[in-house]
PDB file of N, CA and C in Angstrom:
ATOM      1  N   MET A   1      78.825  65.279  84.627  1.00  0.00           N
ATOM      2  CA  MET A   1      78.639  63.844  85.280  1.00  0.00           C
ATOM      3  C   MET A   1      77.887  63.380  86.337  1.00  0.00           C
ATOM      4  N   ARG A   2      77.318  62.686  86.022  1.00  0.00           N
ATOM      5  CA  ARG A   2      75.809  62.115  87.039  1.00  0.00           C
ATOM      6  C   ARG A   2      76.434  61.380  88.573  1.00  0.00           C
ATOM      7  N   PHE A   3      76.328  61.377  89.279  1.00  0.00           N
ATOM      8  CA  PHE A   3      76.516  60.441  90.157  1.00  0.00           C
ATOM      9  C   PHE A   3      74.860  59.184  91.101  1.00  0.00           C
ATOM     10  N   GLU A   4      75.177  57.892  90.497  1.00  0.00           N
ATOM     11  CA  GLU A   4      74.005  57.111  91.699  1.00  0.00           C
ATOM     12  C   GLU A   4      74.525  56.971  92.774  1.00  0.00           C
ATOM     13  N   GLU A   5      73.393  57.474  93.846  1.00  0.00           N
ATOM     14  CA  GLU A   5      73.950  56.684  94.924  1.00  0.00           C
ATOM     15  C   GLU A   5      72.976  55.604  95.114  1.00  0.00           C
ATOM     16  N   ARG A   6      73.905  54.313  95.869  1.00  0.00           N
ATOM     17  CA  ARG A   6      73.657  52.902  96.009  1.00  0.00           C
ATOM     18  C   ARG A   6      73.581  53.045  97.569  1.00  0.00           C
ATOM     19  N   THR A   7      72.731  52.255  98.352  1.00  0.00           N
ATOM     20  CA  THR A   7      72.938  52.181  99.765  1.00  0.00           C
ATOM     21  C   THR A   7      73.198  50.420  99.994  1.00  0.00           C
ATOM     22  N   THR A   8      73.712  50.493 100.953  1.00  0.00           N
ATOM     23  CA  THR A   8      74.254  49.224 101.455  1.00  0.00           C
ATOM     24  C   THR A   8      73.333  48.641 102.188  1.00  0.00           C
ATOM     25  N   ARG A   9      73.649  47.159 102.218  1.00  0.00           N
ATOM     26  CA  ARG A   9      72.357  46.112 103.229  1.00  0.00           C
ATOM     27  C   ARG A   9      72.451  47.249 104.602  1.00  0.00           C
ATOM     28  N   ARG A  10      73.793  47.517 105.018  1.00  0.00           N
ATOM     29  CA  ARG A  10      73.894  48.156 106.850  1.00  0.00           C
ATOM     30  C   ARG A  10      73.942  49.623 106.683  1.00  0.00           C
ATOM     31  N   GLY A  11      72.912  50.141 105.379  1.00  0.00           N
ATOM     32  CA  GLY A  11      72.671  51.580 105.083  1.00  0.00           C
ATOM     33  C   GLY A  11      74.036  52.683 105.010  1.00  0.00           C
ATOM     34  N   ARG A  12      74.554  52.183 104.135  1.00  0.00           N
ATOM     35  CA  ARG A  12      75.758  53.240 103.690  1.00  0.00           C
ATOM     36  C   ARG A  12      75.253  53.528 102.505  1.00  0.00           C
ATOM     37  N   THR A  13      76.209  54.598 102.016  1.00  0.00           N
ATOM     38  CA  THR A  13      75.481  54.808 100.668  1.00  0.00           C
ATOM     39  C   THR A  13      77.000  55.004 100.248  1.00  0.00           C
ATOM     40  N   ILE A  14      76.732  54.596  98.952  1.00  0.00           N
ATOM     41  CA  ILE A  14      77.764  54.391  97.736  1.00  0.00           C
ATOM     42  C   ILE A  14      77.648  55.633  96.384  1.00  0.00           C
ATOM     43  N   ALA A  15      78.874  56.288  96.450  1.00  0.00           N
ATOM     44  CA  ALA A  15      78.568  57.328  95.345  1.00  0.00           C
ATOM     45  C   ALA A  15      79.312  56.756  94.310  1.00  0.00           C
ATOM     46  N   VAL A  16      78.355  56.757  92.823  1.00  0.00           N
ATOM     47  CA  VAL A  16      79.551  56.063  91.921  1.00  0.00           C
ATOM     48  C   VAL A  16      78.425  56.631  90.336  1.00  0.00           C
ATOM     49  N   PRO A  17      79.867  57.337  90.246  1.00  0.00           N
ATOM     50  CA  PRO A  17      80.063  58.526  88.744  1.00  0.00           C
ATOM     51  C   PRO A  17      78.602  57.208  87.540  1.00  0.00           C
ATOM     52  N   SER A  18      78.402  58.260  86.883  1.00  0.00           N
ATOM     53  CA  SER A  18      78.161  57.470  85.200  1.00  0.00           C
ATOM     54  C   SER A  18      79.260  57.384  84.357  1.00  0.00           C
ATOM     55  N   HIS A  19      80.449  57.918  84.753  1.00  0.00           N
ATOM     56  CA  HIS A  19      81.481  57.331  83.997  1.00  0.00           C
ATOM     57  C   HIS A  19      82.967  57.820  84.524  1.00  0.00           C
ATOM     58  N   LEU A  20      84.043  57.478  84.591  1.00  0.00           N
ATOM     59  CA  LEU A  20      84.998  57.933  85.567  1.00  0.00           C
ATOM     60  C   LEU A  20      85.694  58.866  85.578  1.00  0.00           C
ATOM     61  N   PRO A  21      85.952  60.043  86.421  1.00  0.00           N
ATOM     62  CA  PRO A  21      86.567  61.030  86.178  1.00  0.00           C
ATOM     63  C   PRO A  21      87.746  60.970  85.400  1.00  0.00           C
ATOM     64  N   ARG A  22      88.652  61.936  85.221  1.00  0.00           N
ATOM     65  CA  ARG A  22      90.042  62.365  84.262  1.00  0.00           C
ATOM     66  C   ARG A  22      89.996  63.675  85.258  1.00  0.00           C
ATOM     67  N   LEU A  23      91.664  63.053  85.805  1.00  0.00           N
ATOM     68  CA  LEU A  23      92.003  64.350  87.011  1.00  0.00           C
ATOM     69  C   LEU A  23      93.087  65.364  86.301  1.00  0.00           C
ATOM     70  N   PRO A  24      93.691  66.255  86.348  1.00  0.00           N
ATOM     71  CA  PRO A  24      94.799  66.627  85.773  1.00  0.00           C
ATOM     72  C   PRO A  24      96.072  66.020  86.336  1.00  0.00           C
ATOM     73  N   PRO A  25      97.188  65.670  85.545  1.00  0.00           N
ATOM     74  CA  PRO A  25      98.361  65.480  86.523  1.00  0.00           C
ATOM     75  C   PRO A  25      99.116  65.692  87.854  1.00  0.00           C
ATOM     76  N   ALA A  26      98.464  66.936  87.884  1.00  0.00           N
ATOM     77  CA  ALA A  26      99.041  67.261  89.425  1.00  0.00           C
ATOM     78  C   ALA A  26      98.405  67.210  90.028  1.00  0.00           C
ATOM     79  N   GLN A  27      97.047  66.526  89.974  1.00  0.00           N
ATOM     80  CA  GLN A  27      95.816  66.666  90.807  1.00  0.00           C
ATOM     81  C   GLN A  27      95.766  65.228  91.335  1.00  0.00           C
ATOM     82  N   ALA A  28      95.959  64.221  89.929  1.00  0.00           N
ATOM     83  CA  ALA A  28      96.084  62.872  90.541  1.00  0.00           C
ATOM     84  C   ALA A  28      97.518  62.703  91.198  1.00  0.00           C
ATOM     85  N   LEU A  29      98.521  63.028  91.553  1.00  0.00           N
ATOM     86  CA  LEU A  29      99.723  62.765  91.291  1.00  0.00           C
ATOM     87  C   LEU A  29     100.291  63.727  93.018  1.00  0.00           C
ATOM     88  N   ALA A  30      99.208  64.058  93.218  1.00  0.00           N
ATOM     89  CA  ALA A  30      99.460  65.181  94.432  1.00  0.00           C
ATOM     90  C   ALA A  30      99.823  65.038  95.844  1.00  0.00           C
ATOM     91  N   THR A  31     100.200  64.999  96.839  1.00  0.00           N
ATOM     92  CA  THR A  31     100.303  64.217  98.040  1.00  0.00           C
ATOM     93  C   THR A  31      99.126  64.963  98.706  1.00  0.00           C
ATOM     94  N   VAL A  32      97.981  64.514  99.349  1.00  0.00           N
ATOM     95  CA  VAL A  32      96.688  65.070  99.897  1.00  0.00           C
ATOM     96  C   VAL A  32      96.853  64.647 101.537  1.00  0.00           C
ATOM     97  N   ARG A  33      96.027  65.211 102.564  1.00  0.00           N
ATOM     98  CA  ARG A  33      95.814  64.790 103.509  1.00  0.00           C
ATOM     99  C   ARG A  33      94.043  65.028 102.860  1.00  0.00           C
ATOM    100  N   LEU A  34      93.505  62.907 103.384  1.00  0.00           N
ATOM    101  CA  LEU A  34      92.144  63.515 102.957  1.00  0.00           C
ATOM    102  C   LEU A  34      91.530  64.107 104.417  1.00  0.00           C
ATOM    103  N   PRO A  35      90.575  64.168 103.756  1.00  0.00           N
ATOM    104  CA  PRO A  35      89.509  65.506 105.078  1.00  0.00           C
ATOM    105  C   PRO A  35      88.675  64.021 106.031  1.00  0.00           C
ATOM    106  N   LEU A  36      88.588  64.668 107.451  1.00  0.00           N
ATOM    107  CA  LEU A  36      87.830  64.437 108.376  1.00  0.00           C
ATOM    108  C   LEU A  36      87.316  63.034 108.213  1.00  0.00           C
ATOM    109  N   HIS A  37      86.005  63.597 107.519  1.00  0.00           N
ATOM    110  CA  HIS A  37      85.160  62.621 107.050  1.00  0.00           C
ATOM    111  C   HIS A  37      85.755  60.524 106.357  1.00  0.00           C
ATOM    112  N   LEU A  38      86.758  61.548 105.843  1.00  0.00           N
ATOM    113  CA  LEU A  38      87.078  60.278 105.190  1.00  0.00           C
ATOM    114  C   LEU A  38      88.059  59.689 105.753  1.00  0.00           C
ATOM    115  N   HIS A  39      89.050  60.587 106.431  1.00  0.00           N
ATOM    116  CA  HIS A  39      90.170  59.515 107.422  1.00  0.00           C
ATOM    117  C   HIS A  39      90.398  60.192 108.793  1.00  0.00           C
ATOM    118  N   TRP A  40      89.694  59.942 109.279  1.00  0.00           N
ATOM    119  CA  TRP A  40      89.401  60.017 110.807  1.00  0.00           C
ATOM    120  C   TRP A  40      90.224  59.374 111.435  1.00  0.00           C
ATOM    121  N   SER A  41      90.519  58.200 111.253  1.00  0.00           N
ATOM    122  CA  SER A  41      91.736  57.416 112.624  1.00  0.00           C
ATOM    123  C   SER A  41      93.161  57.951 112.498  1.00  0.00           C
ATOM    124  N   ALA A  42      93.318  59.022 111.372  1.00  0.00           N
ATOM    125  CA  ALA A  42      94.856  59.594 111.279  1.00  0.00           C
ATOM    126  C   ALA A  42      94.638  60.586 110.416  1.00  0.00           C
ATOM    127  N   PRO A  43      94.400  61.905 111.025  1.00  0.00           N
ATOM    128  CA  PRO A  43      93.823  62.679 110.582  1.00  0.00           C
ATOM    129  C   PRO A  43      94.460  63.581 109.656  1.00  0.00           C
ATOM    130  N   ARG A  44      95.951  64.030 110.289  1.00  0.00           N
ATOM    131  CA  ARG A  44      97.298  64.412 109.923  1.00  0.00           C
ATOM    132  C   ARG A  44      98.194  63.750 108.726  1.00  0.00           C
ATOM    133  N   ARG A  45      98.067  62.594 108.421  1.00  0.00           N
ATOM    134  CA  ARG A  45      98.325  61.690 107.736  1.00  0.00           C
ATOM    135  C   ARG A  45      98.184  62.000 106.532  1.00  0.00           C
ATOM    136  N   SER A  46      99.672  62.153 105.194  1.00  0.00           N
ATOM    137  CA  SER A  46      99.592  62.703 104.236  1.00  0.00           C
ATOM    138  C   SER A  46      99.866  61.211 103.568  1.00  0.00           C
ATOM    139  N   PHE A  47      98.932  61.367 102.111  1.00  0.00           N
ATOM    140  CA  PHE A  47      99.373  60.202 100.945  1.00  0.00           C
ATOM    141  C   PHE A  47     100.110  60.523 100.083  1.00  0.00           C
ATOM    142  N   ASP A  48     101.215  60.143  99.554  1.00  0.00           N
ATOM    143  CA  ASP A  48     101.629  60.500  97.944  1.00  0.00           C
ATOM    144  C   ASP A  48     100.951  59.633  97.217  1.00  0.00           C
ATOM    145  N   LEU A  49     100.416  60.589  96.270  1.00  0.00           N
ATOM    146  CA  LEU A  49      99.629  59.822  95.190  1.00  0.00           C
ATOM    147  C   LEU A  49     100.522  59.074  94.115  1.00  0.00           C
ATOM    148  N   ARG A  50     101.733  59.694  94.071  1.00  0.00           N
ATOM    149  CA  ARG A  50     102.861  58.805  92.762  1.00  0.00           C
ATOM    150  C   ARG A  50     103.251  57.450  93.641  1.00  0.00           C
ATOM    151  N   ASP A  51     102.915  57.409  94.824  1.00  0.00           N
ATOM    152  CA  ASP A  51     103.222  56.104  95.333  1.00  0.00           C
ATOM    153  C   ASP A  51     101.981  55.227  94.961  1.00  0.00           C
ATOM    154  N   ARG A  52     102.150  54.224  94.824  1.00  0.00           N
ATOM    155  CA  ARG A  52     100.550  52.764  94.087  1.00  0.00           C
ATOM    156  C   ARG A  52     100.118  52.637  95.449  1.00  0.00           C
ATOM    157  N   ALA A  53     100.769  52.297  96.522  1.00  0.00           N
ATOM    158  CA  ALA A  53     100.445  51.434  97.415  1.00  0.00           C
ATOM    159  C   ALA A  53      99.702  52.355  98.227  1.00  0.00           C
ATOM    160  N   GLN A  54     100.100  53.713  97.965  1.00  0.00           N
ATOM    161  CA  GLN A  54     100.021  54.996  98.865  1.00  0.00           C
ATOM    162  C   GLN A  54      97.979  55.426  98.113  1.00  0.00           C
ATOM    163  N   ARG A  55      98.508  55.424  96.499  1.00  0.00           N
ATOM    164  CA  ARG A  55      97.042  55.704  96.096  1.00  0.00           C
ATOM    165  C   ARG A  55      95.937  54.734  95.635  1.00  0.00           C
ATOM    166  N   ALA A  56      96.792  53.668  96.145  1.00  0.00           N
ATOM    167  CA  ALA A  56      95.218  52.667  96.507  1.00  0.00           C
ATOM    168  C   ALA A  56      94.305  52.404  97.801  1.00  0.00           C
ATOM    169  N   ARG A  57      95.446  52.591  98.795  1.00  0.00           N
ATOM    170  CA  ARG A  57      94.809  53.212 100.196  1.00  0.00           C
ATOM    171  C   ARG A  57      93.892  54.393  99.929  1.00  0.00           C
ATOM    172  N   VAL A  58      94.316  55.393  99.198  1.00  0.00           N
ATOM    173  CA  VAL A  58      93.533  56.610  99.272  1.00  0.00           C
ATOM    174  C   VAL A  58      92.252  55.792  98.257  1.00  0.00           C
ATOM    175  N   TYR A  59      92.323  55.271  97.349  1.00  0.00           N
ATOM    176  CA  TYR A  59      91.277  55.171  96.273  1.00  0.00           C
ATOM    177  C   TYR A  59      89.886  53.933  97.321  1.00  0.00           C
ATOM    178  N   GLU A  60      90.611  52.865  97.797  1.00  0.00           N
ATOM    179  CA  GLU A  60      89.714  52.379  98.954  1.00  0.00           C
ATOM    180  C   GLU A  60      89.457  53.228  99.741  1.00  0.00           C
ATOM    181  N   ILE A  61      89.978  54.067 100.672  1.00  0.00           N
ATOM    182  CA  ILE A  61      88.911  54.901 101.341  1.00  0.00           C
ATOM    183  C   ILE A  61      87.669  55.826 100.909  1.00  0.00           C
ATOM    184  N   VAL A  62      88.112  56.334  99.442  1.00  0.00           N
ATOM    185  CA  VAL A  62      87.159  57.129  99.108  1.00  0.00           C
ATOM    186  C   VAL A  62      85.985  56.529  98.278  1.00  0.00           C
ATOM    187  N   LEU A  63      86.454  55.108  97.725  1.00  0.00           N
ATOM    188  CA  LEU A  63      85.038  54.470  97.339  1.00  0.00           C
ATOM    189  C   LEU A  63      84.409  53.799  97.924  1.00  0.00           C
ATOM    190  N   ARG A  64      85.219  53.949  99.362  1.00  0.00           N
ATOM    191  CA  ARG A  64      83.858  53.133 100.546  1.00  0.00           C
ATOM    192  C   ARG A  64      83.853  54.019 101.367  1.00  0.00           C
ATOM    193  N   GLU A  65      84.005  55.613 101.447  1.00  0.00           N
ATOM    194  CA  GLU A  65      83.197  56.286 102.237  1.00  0.00           C
ATOM    195  C   GLU A  65      82.890  57.793 101.437  1.00  0.00           C
ATOM    196  N   GLY A  66      83.413  57.958 100.206  1.00  0.00           N
ATOM    197  CA  GLY A  66      83.874  59.370  99.998  1.00  0.00           C
ATOM    198  C   GLY A  66      81.567  59.576  98.919  1.00  0.00           C
ATOM    199  N   GLY A  67      81.844  60.854  99.432  1.00  0.00           N
ATOM    200  CA  GLY A  67      80.685  61.232  97.960  1.00  0.00           C
ATOM    201  C   GLY A  67      81.267  61.459  96.698  1.00  0.00           C
ATOM    202  N   PRO A  68      80.076  62.289  96.304  1.00  0.00           N
ATOM    203  CA  PRO A  68      80.900  62.523  94.674  1.00  0.00           C
ATOM    204  C   PRO A  68      81.610  63.706  94.737  1.00  0.00           C
ATOM    205  N   MET A  69      81.915  64.708  95.702  1.00  0.00           N
ATOM    206  CA  MET A  69      83.212  65.898  95.754  1.00  0.00           C
ATOM    207  C   MET A  69      84.395  65.230  95.484  1.00  0.00           C
ATOM    208  N   ASP A  70      84.042  64.054  96.943  1.00  0.00           N
ATOM    209  CA  ASP A  70      85.476  63.168  97.232  1.00  0.00           C
ATOM    210  C   ASP A  70      85.712  62.332  96.119  1.00  0.00           C
ATOM    211  N   VAL A  71      84.752  61.803  95.095  1.00  0.00           N
ATOM    212  CA  VAL A  71      85.612  60.638  94.053  1.00  0.00           C
ATOM    213  C   VAL A  71      86.064  61.971  92.463  1.00  0.00           C
ATOM    214  N   LEU A  72      85.406  63.062  92.527  1.00  0.00           N
ATOM    215  CA  LEU A  72      86.035  64.052  92.135  1.00  0.00           C
ATOM    216  C   LEU A  72      87.151  65.263  92.293  1.00  0.00           C
ATOM    217  N   THR A  73      87.372  64.737  92.975  1.00  0.00           N
ATOM    218  CA  THR A  73      88.453  64.883  93.838  1.00  0.00           C
ATOM    219  C   THR A  73      89.975  64.722  93.719  1.00  0.00           C
ATOM    220  N   TYR A  74      89.651  63.098  93.900  1.00  0.00           N
ATOM    221  CA  TYR A  74      90.964  62.458  94.692  1.00  0.00           C
ATOM    222  C   TYR A  74      91.180  61.019  93.396  1.00  0.00           C
ATOM    223  N   VAL A  75      89.977  60.849  92.966  1.00  0.00           N
ATOM    224  CA  VAL A  75      90.101  59.577  92.194  1.00  0.00           C
ATOM    225  C   VAL A  75      89.813  59.719  90.453  1.00  0.00           C
ATOM    226  N   ASP A  76      91.293  59.687  89.862  1.00  0.00           N
ATOM    227  CA  ASP A  76      91.207  59.559  88.560  1.00  0.00           C
ATOM    228  C   ASP A  76      91.101  58.203  87.946  1.00  0.00           C
ATOM    229  N   GLY A  77      89.956  58.365  86.771  1.00  0.00           N
ATOM    230  CA  GLY A  77      90.288  56.977  86.223  1.00  0.00           C
ATOM    231  C   GLY A  77      90.231  56.126  85.387  1.00  0.00           C
ATOM    232  N   VAL A  78      91.834  56.152  84.976  1.00  0.00           N
ATOM    233  CA  VAL A  78      92.542  55.286  84.116  1.00  0.00           C
ATOM    234  C   VAL A  78      93.357  54.882  85.329  1.00  0.00           C
ATOM    235  N   LEU A  79      94.035  55.368  86.130  1.00  0.00           N
ATOM    236  CA  LEU A  79      94.279  55.436  87.637  1.00  0.00           C
ATOM    237  C   LEU A  79      93.926  54.112  88.235  1.00  0.00           C
ATOM    238  N   LEU A  80      92.707  53.915  87.869  1.00  0.00           N
ATOM    239  CA  LEU A  80      91.472  53.486  89.077  1.00  0.00           C
ATOM    240  C   LEU A  80      91.579  52.300  88.746  1.00  0.00           C
ATOM    241  N   THR A  81      91.327  52.061  86.959  1.00  0.00           N
ATOM    242  CA  THR A  81      91.627  50.986  86.562  1.00  0.00           C
ATOM    243  C   THR A  81      92.642  50.124  86.558  1.00  0.00           C
ATOM    244  N   GLU A  82      94.157  50.737  86.474  1.00  0.00           N
ATOM    245  CA  GLU A  82      95.278  49.750  87.147  1.00  0.00           C
ATOM    246  C   GLU A  82      94.760  49.021  88.369  1.00  0.00           C
ATOM    247  N   LEU A  83      94.588  50.123  89.207  1.00  0.00           N
ATOM    248  CA  LEU A  83      94.441  49.390  90.565  1.00  0.00           C
ATOM    249  C   LEU A  83      93.689  48.478  90.558  1.00  0.00           C
ATOM    250  N   TRP A  84      92.231  48.422  90.385  1.00  0.00           N
ATOM    251  CA  TRP A  84      90.873  47.980  90.521  1.00  0.00           C
ATOM    252  C   TRP A  84      91.623  46.440  91.152  1.00  0.00           C
ATOM    253  N   PRO A  85      92.594  45.577  90.082  1.00  0.00           N
ATOM    254  CA  PRO A  85      92.334  44.173  90.374  1.00  0.00           C
ATOM    255  C   PRO A  85      92.890  43.689  91.769  1.00  0.00           C
ATOM    256  N   ASP A  86      93.545  44.966  92.650  1.00  0.00           N
ATOM    257  CA  ASP A  86      94.353  44.968  93.318  1.00  0.00           C
ATOM    258  C   ASP A  86      93.532  45.785  95.315  1.00  0.00           C
ATOM    259  N   LEU A  87      92.490  46.554  94.535  1.00  0.00           N
ATOM    260  CA  LEU A  87      91.709  47.030  95.579  1.00  0.00           C
ATOM    261  C   LEU A  87      91.285  46.229  96.610  1.00  0.00           C
ATOM    262  N   VAL A  88      91.741  46.560  97.541  1.00  0.00           N
ATOM    263  CA  VAL A  88      90.358  45.712  99.043  1.00  0.00           C
ATOM    264  C   VAL A  88      89.443  46.717  99.433  1.00  0.00           C
ATOM    265  N   LEU A  89      87.984  45.598  98.494  1.00  0.00           N
ATOM    266  CA  LEU A  89      87.069  47.001  98.718  1.00  0.00           C
ATOM    267  C   LEU A  89      85.980  45.870  99.195  1.00  0.00           C
ATOM    268  N   PRO A  90      85.168  46.645 100.074  1.00  0.00           N
ATOM    269  CA  PRO A  90      84.078  45.369 100.581  1.00  0.00           C
ATOM    270  C   PRO A  90      83.108  44.996  99.601  1.00  0.00           C
ATOM    271  N   ARG A  91      82.587  43.678  99.359  1.00  0.00           N
ATOM    272  CA  ARG A  91      82.060  43.229  98.551  1.00  0.00           C
ATOM    273  C   ARG A  91      81.423  44.134  97.302  1.00  0.00           C
ATOM    274  N   GLU A  92      80.261  44.755  98.527  1.00  0.00           N
ATOM    275  CA  GLU A  92      78.921  45.977  98.215  1.00  0.00           C
ATOM    276  C   GLU A  92      79.690  46.935  97.186  1.00  0.00           C
ATOM    277  N   VAL A  93      81.231  47.536  97.535  1.00  0.00           N
ATOM    278  CA  VAL A  93      81.635  48.569  97.327  1.00  0.00           C
ATOM    279  C   VAL A  93      81.837  48.553  96.100  1.00  0.00           C
ATOM    280  N   ARG A  94      82.668  47.160  95.503  1.00  0.00           N
ATOM    281  CA  ARG A  94      83.421  46.395  94.383  1.00  0.00           C
ATOM    282  C   ARG A  94      81.959  46.165  93.133  1.00  0.00           C
ATOM    283  N   ALA A  95      80.782  45.493  93.848  1.00  0.00           N
ATOM    284  CA  ALA A  95      80.104  45.657  93.087  1.00  0.00           C
ATOM    285  C   ALA A  95      79.242  46.070  92.573  1.00  0.00           C
ATOM    286  N   ALA A  96      79.095  47.762  93.390  1.00  0.00           N
ATOM    287  CA  ALA A  96      78.365  48.741  92.783  1.00  0.00           C
ATOM    288  C   ALA A  96      79.515  49.523  91.499  1.00  0.00           C
ATOM    289  N   TRP A  97      80.568  49.421  91.999  1.00  0.00           N
ATOM    290  CA  TRP A  97      81.707  50.189  90.797  1.00  0.00           C
ATOM    291  C   TRP A  97      81.922  49.027  89.906  1.00  0.00           C
ATOM    292  N   ALA A  98      81.738  47.586  89.838  1.00  0.00           N
ATOM    293  CA  ALA A  98      82.370  47.354  88.621  1.00  0.00           C
ATOM    294  C   ALA A  98      81.466  47.641  87.377  1.00  0.00           C
ATOM    295  N   THR A  99      80.587  47.605  86.975  1.00  0.00           N
ATOM    296  CA  THR A  99      80.351  48.124  86.091  1.00  0.00           C
ATOM    297  C   THR A  99      81.229  49.447  85.318  1.00  0.00           C
ATOM    298  N   VAL A 100      81.078  50.368  85.875  1.00  0.00           N
ATOM    299  CA  VAL A 100      81.730  51.619  84.960  1.00  0.00           C
ATOM    300  C   VAL A 100      83.063  51.468  85.463  1.00  0.00           C
ATOM    301  N   VAL A 101      83.684  50.820  85.926  1.00  0.00           N
ATOM    302  CA  VAL A 101      85.489  49.987  85.373  1.00  0.00           C
ATOM    303  C   VAL A 101      85.090  49.594  84.559  1.00  0.00           C
ATOM    304  N   ASP A 102      84.293  48.146  84.536  1.00  0.00           N
ATOM    305  CA  ASP A 102      84.436  47.576  83.729  1.00  0.00           C
ATOM    306  C   ASP A 102      84.365  48.162  82.025  1.00  0.00           C
ATOM    307  N   ARG A 103      83.027  48.606  82.206  1.00  0.00           N
ATOM    308  CA  ARG A 103      82.885  49.648  80.940  1.00  0.00           C
ATOM    309  C   ARG A 103      84.463  50.402  80.383  1.00  0.00           C
ATOM    310  N   ALA A 104      85.074  51.007  81.382  1.00  0.00           N
ATOM    311  CA  ALA A 104      86.016  51.633  81.198  1.00  0.00           C
ATOM    312  C   ALA A 104      87.459  50.747  80.844  1.00  0.00           C
ATOM    313  N   MET A 105      87.223  49.909  81.162  1.00  0.00           N
ATOM    314  CA  MET A 105      88.639  49.228  80.949  1.00  0.00           C
ATOM    315  C   MET A 105      87.963  48.637  79.255  1.00  0.00           C
ATOM    316  N   THR A 106      86.536  48.316  78.965  1.00  0.00           N
ATOM    317  CA  THR A 106      86.421  47.866  77.498  1.00  0.00           C
ATOM    318  C   THR A 106      86.773  48.907  76.545  1.00  0.00           C
ATOM    319  N   GLU A 107      86.295  50.163  76.688  1.00  0.00           N
ATOM    320  CA  GLU A 107      86.703  50.925  76.113  1.00  0.00           C
ATOM    321  C   GLU A 107      87.835  51.246  75.567  1.00  0.00           C
ATOM    322  N   ALA A 108      88.979  51.243  76.789  1.00  0.00           N
ATOM    323  CA  ALA A 108      90.432  51.544  76.274  1.00  0.00           C
ATOM    324  C   ALA A 108      91.060  50.620  75.550  1.00  0.00           C
ATOM    325  N   ALA A 109      90.401  49.291  75.474  1.00  0.00           N
ATOM    326  CA  ALA A 109      90.979  48.197  75.087  1.00  0.00           C
ATOM    327  C   ALA A 109      91.026  48.218  73.577  1.00  0.00           C
TER     328      ALA A 109
END
């Protein structure tokens, strides 16, 4: 898998994969604590990825703040496509990811 780094108007980098990753079920639905570089405001908080709302929050954080290894660790492509319409993302982040998400949804149909 390749990642393309896109830079926002504010100079942030968004890591977008060439295709959506798939995680093993145990990893995709685990309880996780995000590393400090992703979630500095509440570093000890756990997220239960089995819970749709908590998974959405993790995906929003990772898509906005994460690098390639974060995407490969926390984001499952199938679960991302299911959440995609409901994720609260900055316009530039949504636009950067839209092509790969739309392509995955088209291929799945």
